[in-house]
Structure formats: structure tokens, C-alpha cells
PDB file of all heavy atoms in Angstrom:
ATOM      1  N   GLN A   1       0.731 -10.086   5.894  1.00  0.00           N
ATOM      2  CA  GLN A   1       0.095 -10.390   7.171  1.00  0.00           C
ATOM      3  C   GLN A   1       0.963  -9.932   8.336  1.00  0.00           C
ATOM      4  O   GLN A   1       2.165 -10.242   8.373  1.00  0.00           O
ATOM      5  CB  GLN A   1      -0.146 -11.901   7.292  1.00  0.00           C
ATOM      6  CG  GLN A   1      -1.058 -12.467   6.227  1.00  0.00           C
ATOM      7  CD  GLN A   1      -2.440 -11.862   6.270  1.00  0.00           C
ATOM      8  OE1 GLN A   1      -3.023 -11.690   7.330  1.00  0.00           O
ATOM      9  NE2 GLN A   1      -2.963 -11.499   5.100  1.00  0.00           N
ATOM     10  N   PRO A   2       0.373  -9.202   9.300  1.00  0.00           N
ATOM     11  CA  PRO A   2       1.128  -8.832  10.503  1.00  0.00           C
ATOM     12  C   PRO A   2       1.692 -10.070  11.188  1.00  0.00           C
ATOM     13  O   PRO A   2       1.032 -11.104  11.270  1.00  0.00           O
ATOM     14  CB  PRO A   2       0.076  -8.140  11.380  1.00  0.00           C
ATOM     15  CG  PRO A   2      -0.916  -7.601  10.396  1.00  0.00           C
ATOM     16  CD  PRO A   2      -0.977  -8.639   9.301  1.00  0.00           C
ATOM     17  N   GLY A   3       2.938  -9.946  11.628  1.00  0.00           N
ATOM     18  CA  GLY A   3       3.620 -11.053  12.277  1.00  0.00           C
ATOM     19  C   GLY A   3       4.497 -11.861  11.338  1.00  0.00           C
ATOM     20  O   GLY A   3       5.402 -12.554  11.779  1.00  0.00           O
ATOM     21  N   ASN A   4       4.246 -11.785  10.033  1.00  0.00           N
ATOM     22  CA  ASN A   4       5.073 -12.509   9.070  1.00  0.00           C
ATOM     23  C   ASN A   4       6.348 -11.728   8.782  1.00  0.00           C
ATOM     24  O   ASN A   4       6.377 -10.503   8.876  1.00  0.00           O
ATOM     25  CB  ASN A   4       4.317 -12.759   7.773  1.00  0.00           C
ATOM     26  CG  ASN A   4       3.254 -13.833   7.919  1.00  0.00           C
ATOM     27  OD1 ASN A   4       3.146 -14.479   8.955  1.00  0.00           O
ATOM     28  ND2 ASN A   4       2.470 -14.022   6.873  1.00  0.00           N
ATOM     29  N   ILE A   5       7.377 -12.465   8.384  1.00  0.00           N
ATOM     30  CA  ILE A   5       8.670 -11.854   8.094  1.00  0.00           C
ATOM     31  C   ILE A   5       8.891 -11.836   6.582  1.00  0.00           C
ATOM     32  O   ILE A   5       8.627 -12.824   5.891  1.00  0.00           O
ATOM     33  CB  ILE A   5       9.817 -12.633   8.787  1.00  0.00           C
ATOM     34  CG1 ILE A   5       9.564 -12.698  10.286  1.00  0.00           C
ATOM     35  CG2 ILE A   5      11.163 -11.972   8.501  1.00  0.00           C
ATOM     36  CD1 ILE A   5      10.549 -13.580  11.021  1.00  0.00           C
ATOM     37  N   TYR A   6       9.380 -10.709   6.101  1.00  0.00           N
ATOM     38  CA  TYR A   6       9.634 -10.498   4.676  1.00  0.00           C
ATOM     39  C   TYR A   6      11.061  -9.973   4.505  1.00  0.00           C
ATOM     40  O   TYR A   6      11.717  -9.614   5.471  1.00  0.00           O
ATOM     41  CB  TYR A   6       8.642  -9.470   4.105  1.00  0.00           C
ATOM     42  CG  TYR A   6       7.207  -9.902   4.252  1.00  0.00           C
ATOM     43  CD1 TYR A   6       6.498  -9.657   5.428  1.00  0.00           C
ATOM     44  CD2 TYR A   6       6.565 -10.586   3.231  1.00  0.00           C
ATOM     45  CE1 TYR A   6       5.175 -10.079   5.575  1.00  0.00           C
ATOM     46  CE2 TYR A   6       5.242 -11.005   3.363  1.00  0.00           C
ATOM     47  CZ  TYR A   6       4.567 -10.748   4.540  1.00  0.00           C
ATOM     48  OH  TYR A   6       3.263 -11.164   4.673  1.00  0.00           O
ATOM     49  N   ALA A   7      11.494  -9.908   3.266  1.00  0.00           N
ATOM     50  CA  ALA A   7      12.740  -9.213   2.945  1.00  0.00           C
ATOM     51  C   ALA A   7      12.350  -7.818   2.474  1.00  0.00           C
ATOM     52  O   ALA A   7      11.303  -7.643   1.852  1.00  0.00           O
ATOM     53  CB  ALA A   7      13.494  -9.944   1.845  1.00  0.00           C
ATOM     54  N   SER A   8      13.173  -6.849   2.814  1.00  0.00           N
ATOM     55  CA  SER A   8      12.917  -5.498   2.306  1.00  0.00           C
ATOM     56  C   SER A   8      14.235  -4.825   1.994  1.00  0.00           C
ATOM     57  O   SER A   8      15.240  -5.043   2.671  1.00  0.00           O
ATOM     58  CB  SER A   8      12.112  -4.664   3.304  1.00  0.00           C
ATOM     59  OG  SER A   8      12.880  -4.370   4.444  1.00  0.00           O
ATOM     60  N   LYS A   9      14.204  -4.014   0.958  1.00  0.00           N
ATOM     61  CA  LYS A   9      15.402  -3.286   0.563  1.00  0.00           C
ATOM     62  C   LYS A   9      15.405  -1.940   1.277  1.00  0.00           C
ATOM     63  O   LYS A   9      14.479  -1.152   1.155  1.00  0.00           O
ATOM     64  CB  LYS A   9      15.451  -3.099  -0.946  1.00  0.00           C
ATOM     65  CG  LYS A   9      16.806  -2.676  -1.442  1.00  0.00           C
ATOM     66  CD  LYS A   9      16.888  -2.800  -2.945  1.00  0.00           C
ATOM     67  CE  LYS A   9      18.313  -2.684  -3.410  1.00  0.00           C
ATOM     68  NZ  LYS A   9      18.420  -2.881  -4.856  1.00  0.00           N
ATOM     69  N   HIS A  10      16.455  -1.703   2.017  1.00  0.00           N
ATOM     70  CA  HIS A  10      16.609  -0.471   2.793  1.00  0.00           C
ATOM     71  C   HIS A  10      17.188   0.613   1.884  1.00  0.00           C
ATOM     72  O   HIS A  10      17.727   0.328   0.814  1.00  0.00           O
ATOM     73  CB  HIS A  10      17.555  -0.758   3.971  1.00  0.00           C
ATOM     74  CG  HIS A  10      17.589   0.308   5.004  1.00  0.00           C
ATOM     75  ND1 HIS A  10      18.486   1.340   4.959  1.00  0.00           N
ATOM     76  CD2 HIS A  10      16.839   0.506   6.116  1.00  0.00           C
ATOM     77  CE1 HIS A  10      18.296   2.128   6.002  1.00  0.00           C
ATOM     78  NE2 HIS A  10      17.303   1.643   6.719  1.00  0.00           N
ATOM     79  N   LYS A  11      17.116   1.854   2.344  1.00  0.00           N
ATOM     80  CA  LYS A  11      17.658   2.959   1.540  1.00  0.00           C
ATOM     81  C   LYS A  11      19.166   2.857   1.349  1.00  0.00           C
ATOM     82  O   LYS A  11      19.729   3.477   0.457  1.00  0.00           O
ATOM     83  CB  LYS A  11      17.267   4.307   2.139  1.00  0.00           C
ATOM     84  CG  LYS A  11      17.778   4.550   3.526  1.00  0.00           C
ATOM     85  CD  LYS A  11      17.242   5.868   4.063  1.00  0.00           C
ATOM     86  CE  LYS A  11      17.611   6.016   5.524  1.00  0.00           C
ATOM     87  NZ  LYS A  11      16.973   7.171   6.127  1.00  0.00           N
ATOM     88  N   ASP A  12      19.838   2.015   2.182  1.00  0.00           N
ATOM     89  CA  ASP A  12      21.278   1.802   2.002  1.00  0.00           C
ATOM     90  C   ASP A  12      21.574   0.806   0.875  1.00  0.00           C
ATOM     91  O   ASP A  12      22.723   0.488   0.606  1.00  0.00           O
ATOM     92  CB  ASP A  12      21.943   1.359   3.314  1.00  0.00           C
ATOM     93  CG  ASP A  12      21.502  -0.012   3.794  1.00  0.00           C
ATOM     94  OD1 ASP A  12      20.730  -0.704   3.096  1.00  0.00           O
ATOM     95  OD2 ASP A  12      21.926  -0.403   4.903  1.00  0.00           O
ATOM     96  N   GLY A  13      20.496   0.286   0.241  1.00  0.00           N
ATOM     97  CA  GLY A  13      20.664  -0.637  -0.879  1.00  0.00           C
ATOM     98  C   GLY A  13      20.781  -2.090  -0.466  1.00  0.00           C
ATOM     99  O   GLY A  13      20.883  -2.969  -1.324  1.00  0.00           O
ATOM    100  N   LYS A  14      20.775  -2.380   0.820  1.00  0.00           N
ATOM    101  CA  LYS A  14      20.898  -3.754   1.304  1.00  0.00           C
ATOM    102  C   LYS A  14      19.536  -4.313   1.687  1.00  0.00           C
ATOM    103  O   LYS A  14      18.611  -3.578   2.004  1.00  0.00           O
ATOM    104  CB  LYS A  14      21.829  -3.814   2.509  1.00  0.00           C
ATOM    105  CG  LYS A  14      23.244  -3.413   2.158  1.00  0.00           C
ATOM    106  CD  LYS A  14      24.179  -3.718   3.288  1.00  0.00           C
ATOM    107  CE  LYS A  14      25.513  -3.130   2.950  1.00  0.00           C
ATOM    108  NZ  LYS A  14      26.581  -3.963   2.851  1.00  0.00           N
ATOM    109  N   TRP A  15      19.456  -5.653   1.661  1.00  0.00           N
ATOM    110  CA  TRP A  15      18.235  -6.359   2.022  1.00  0.00           C
ATOM    111  C   TRP A  15      18.287  -6.750   3.491  1.00  0.00           C
ATOM    112  O   TRP A  15      19.334  -7.171   3.995  1.00  0.00           O
ATOM    113  CB  TRP A  15      18.084  -7.610   1.161  1.00  0.00           C
ATOM    114  CG  TRP A  15      17.784  -7.279  -0.265  1.00  0.00           C
ATOM    115  CD1 TRP A  15      18.691  -7.115  -1.279  1.00  0.00           C
ATOM    116  CD2 TRP A  15      16.518  -7.040  -0.827  1.00  0.00           C
ATOM    117  NE1 TRP A  15      18.051  -6.790  -2.440  1.00  0.00           N
ATOM    118  CE2 TRP A  15      16.701  -6.748  -2.195  1.00  0.00           C
ATOM    119  CE3 TRP A  15      15.214  -7.052  -0.321  1.00  0.00           C
ATOM    120  CZ2 TRP A  15      15.653  -6.472  -3.058  1.00  0.00           C
ATOM    121  CZ3 TRP A  15      14.163  -6.787  -1.186  1.00  0.00           C
ATOM    122  CH2 TRP A  15      14.390  -6.498  -2.531  1.00  0.00           C
ATOM    123  N   TYR A  16      17.135  -6.636   4.153  1.00  0.00           N
ATOM    124  CA  TYR A  16      17.036  -6.975   5.579  1.00  0.00           C
ATOM    125  C   TYR A  16      15.756  -7.761   5.846  1.00  0.00           C
ATOM    126  O   TYR A  16      14.768  -7.623   5.118  1.00  0.00           O
ATOM    127  CB  TYR A  16      17.025  -5.703   6.437  1.00  0.00           C
ATOM    128  CG  TYR A  16      18.302  -4.913   6.329  1.00  0.00           C
ATOM    129  CD1 TYR A  16      18.382  -3.810   5.490  1.00  0.00           C
ATOM    130  CD2 TYR A  16      19.430  -5.288   7.053  1.00  0.00           C
ATOM    131  CE1 TYR A  16      19.558  -3.091   5.377  1.00  0.00           C
ATOM    132  CE2 TYR A  16      20.609  -4.567   6.946  1.00  0.00           C
ATOM    133  CZ  TYR A  16      20.667  -3.470   6.108  1.00  0.00           C
ATOM    134  OH  TYR A  16      21.836  -2.762   5.994  1.00  0.00           O
ATOM    135  N   ARG A  17      15.780  -8.543   6.906  1.00  0.00           N
ATOM    136  CA  ARG A  17      14.567  -9.230   7.343  1.00  0.00           C
ATOM    137  C   ARG A  17      13.708  -8.235   8.121  1.00  0.00           C
ATOM    138  O   ARG A  17      14.199  -7.570   9.029  1.00  0.00           O
ATOM    139  CB  ARG A  17      14.906 -10.429   8.236  1.00  0.00           C
ATOM    140  CG  ARG A  17      15.683 -11.502   7.515  1.00  0.00           C
ATOM    141  CD  ARG A  17      15.845 -12.772   8.312  1.00  0.00           C
ATOM    142  NE  ARG A  17      16.224 -12.545   9.694  1.00  0.00           N
ATOM    143  CZ  ARG A  17      16.036 -13.427  10.680  1.00  0.00           C
ATOM    144  NH1 ARG A  17      15.475 -14.579  10.433  1.00  0.00           N
ATOM    145  NH2 ARG A  17      16.420 -13.166  11.902  1.00  0.00           N
ATOM    146  N   THR A  18      12.438  -8.156   7.730  1.00  0.00           N
ATOM    147  CA  THR A  18      11.529  -7.232   8.386  1.00  0.00           C
ATOM    148  C   THR A  18      10.237  -7.955   8.747  1.00  0.00           C
ATOM    149  O   THR A  18       9.689  -8.698   7.942  1.00  0.00           O
ATOM    150  CB  THR A  18      11.186  -6.032   7.479  1.00  0.00           C
ATOM    151  OG1 THR A  18      10.777  -6.523   6.208  1.00  0.00           O
ATOM    152  CG2 THR A  18      12.361  -5.115   7.282  1.00  0.00           C
ATOM    153  N   SER A  19       9.793  -7.728   9.958  1.00  0.00           N
ATOM    154  CA  SER A  19       8.542  -8.300  10.436  1.00  0.00           C
ATOM    155  C   SER A  19       7.455  -7.239  10.290  1.00  0.00           C
ATOM    156  O   SER A  19       7.631  -6.103  10.725  1.00  0.00           O
ATOM    157  CB  SER A  19       8.704  -8.694  11.908  1.00  0.00           C
ATOM    158  OG  SER A  19       7.475  -9.091  12.441  1.00  0.00           O
ATOM    159  N   VAL A  20       6.340  -7.624   9.674  1.00  0.00           N
ATOM    160  CA  VAL A  20       5.245  -6.672   9.503  1.00  0.00           C
ATOM    161  C   VAL A  20       4.497  -6.536  10.821  1.00  0.00           C
ATOM    162  O   VAL A  20       4.097  -7.517  11.447  1.00  0.00           O
ATOM    163  CB  VAL A  20       4.293  -7.112   8.372  1.00  0.00           C
ATOM    164  CG1 VAL A  20       3.015  -6.290   8.373  1.00  0.00           C
ATOM    165  CG2 VAL A  20       4.994  -6.978   7.034  1.00  0.00           C
ATOM    166  N   ILE A  21       4.330  -5.310  11.250  1.00  0.00           N
ATOM    167  CA  ILE A  21       3.611  -4.999  12.476  1.00  0.00           C
ATOM    168  C   ILE A  21       2.143  -4.707  12.149  1.00  0.00           C
ATOM    169  O   ILE A  21       1.242  -5.269  12.759  1.00  0.00           O
ATOM    170  CB  ILE A  21       4.225  -3.767  13.181  1.00  0.00           C
ATOM    171  CG1 ILE A  21       5.711  -3.990  13.462  1.00  0.00           C
ATOM    172  CG2 ILE A  21       3.459  -3.432  14.445  1.00  0.00           C
ATOM    173  CD1 ILE A  21       6.034  -5.168  14.337  1.00  0.00           C
ATOM    174  N   LYS A  22       1.923  -3.822  11.166  1.00  0.00           N
ATOM    175  CA  LYS A  22       0.558  -3.433  10.820  1.00  0.00           C
ATOM    176  C   LYS A  22       0.509  -2.962   9.368  1.00  0.00           C
ATOM    177  O   LYS A  22       1.392  -2.228   8.925  1.00  0.00           O
ATOM    178  CB  LYS A  22       0.084  -2.306  11.743  1.00  0.00           C
ATOM    179  CG  LYS A  22      -1.349  -1.898  11.532  1.00  0.00           C
ATOM    180  CD  LYS A  22      -1.781  -0.865  12.549  1.00  0.00           C
ATOM    181  CE  LYS A  22      -3.252  -0.549  12.355  1.00  0.00           C
ATOM    182  NZ  LYS A  22      -3.733   0.417  13.329  1.00  0.00           N
ATOM    183  N   VAL A  23      -0.523  -3.390   8.666  1.00  0.00           N
ATOM    184  CA  VAL A  23      -0.753  -2.923   7.302  1.00  0.00           C
ATOM    185  C   VAL A  23      -1.745  -1.775   7.384  1.00  0.00           C
ATOM    186  O   VAL A  23      -2.900  -1.963   7.763  1.00  0.00           O
ATOM    187  CB  VAL A  23      -1.301  -4.045   6.405  1.00  0.00           C
ATOM    188  CG1 VAL A  23      -1.588  -3.510   5.008  1.00  0.00           C
ATOM    189  CG2 VAL A  23      -0.335  -5.219   6.363  1.00  0.00           C
ATOM    190  N   ILE A  24      -1.292  -0.587   7.082  1.00  0.00           N
ATOM    191  CA  ILE A  24      -2.149   0.594   7.124  1.00  0.00           C
ATOM    192  C   ILE A  24      -2.822   0.771   5.764  1.00  0.00           C
ATOM    193  O   ILE A  24      -4.033   0.887   5.666  1.00  0.00           O
ATOM    194  CB  ILE A  24      -1.338   1.835   7.540  1.00  0.00           C
ATOM    195  CG1 ILE A  24      -0.741   1.584   8.943  1.00  0.00           C
ATOM    196  CG2 ILE A  24      -2.202   3.094   7.509  1.00  0.00           C
ATOM    197  CD1 ILE A  24       0.394   2.477   9.322  1.00  0.00           C
TER     198      ILE A  24
END
């Protein structure tokens, strides 16, 4: 859902908090 925050693995191998803006 847009506006919700998730964890995502970046290409550097680390996890970051990411907020979804739009689901295409």
C-alpha cells in the first residue's frame, strides 16, 4: 500500500526502511 513503510534490501546488501510511493 502506498504510504506504508517496508524493509528492502539495497544493491549494497544492506536493509533499509522504504516508504512505498506508488505500485505500478
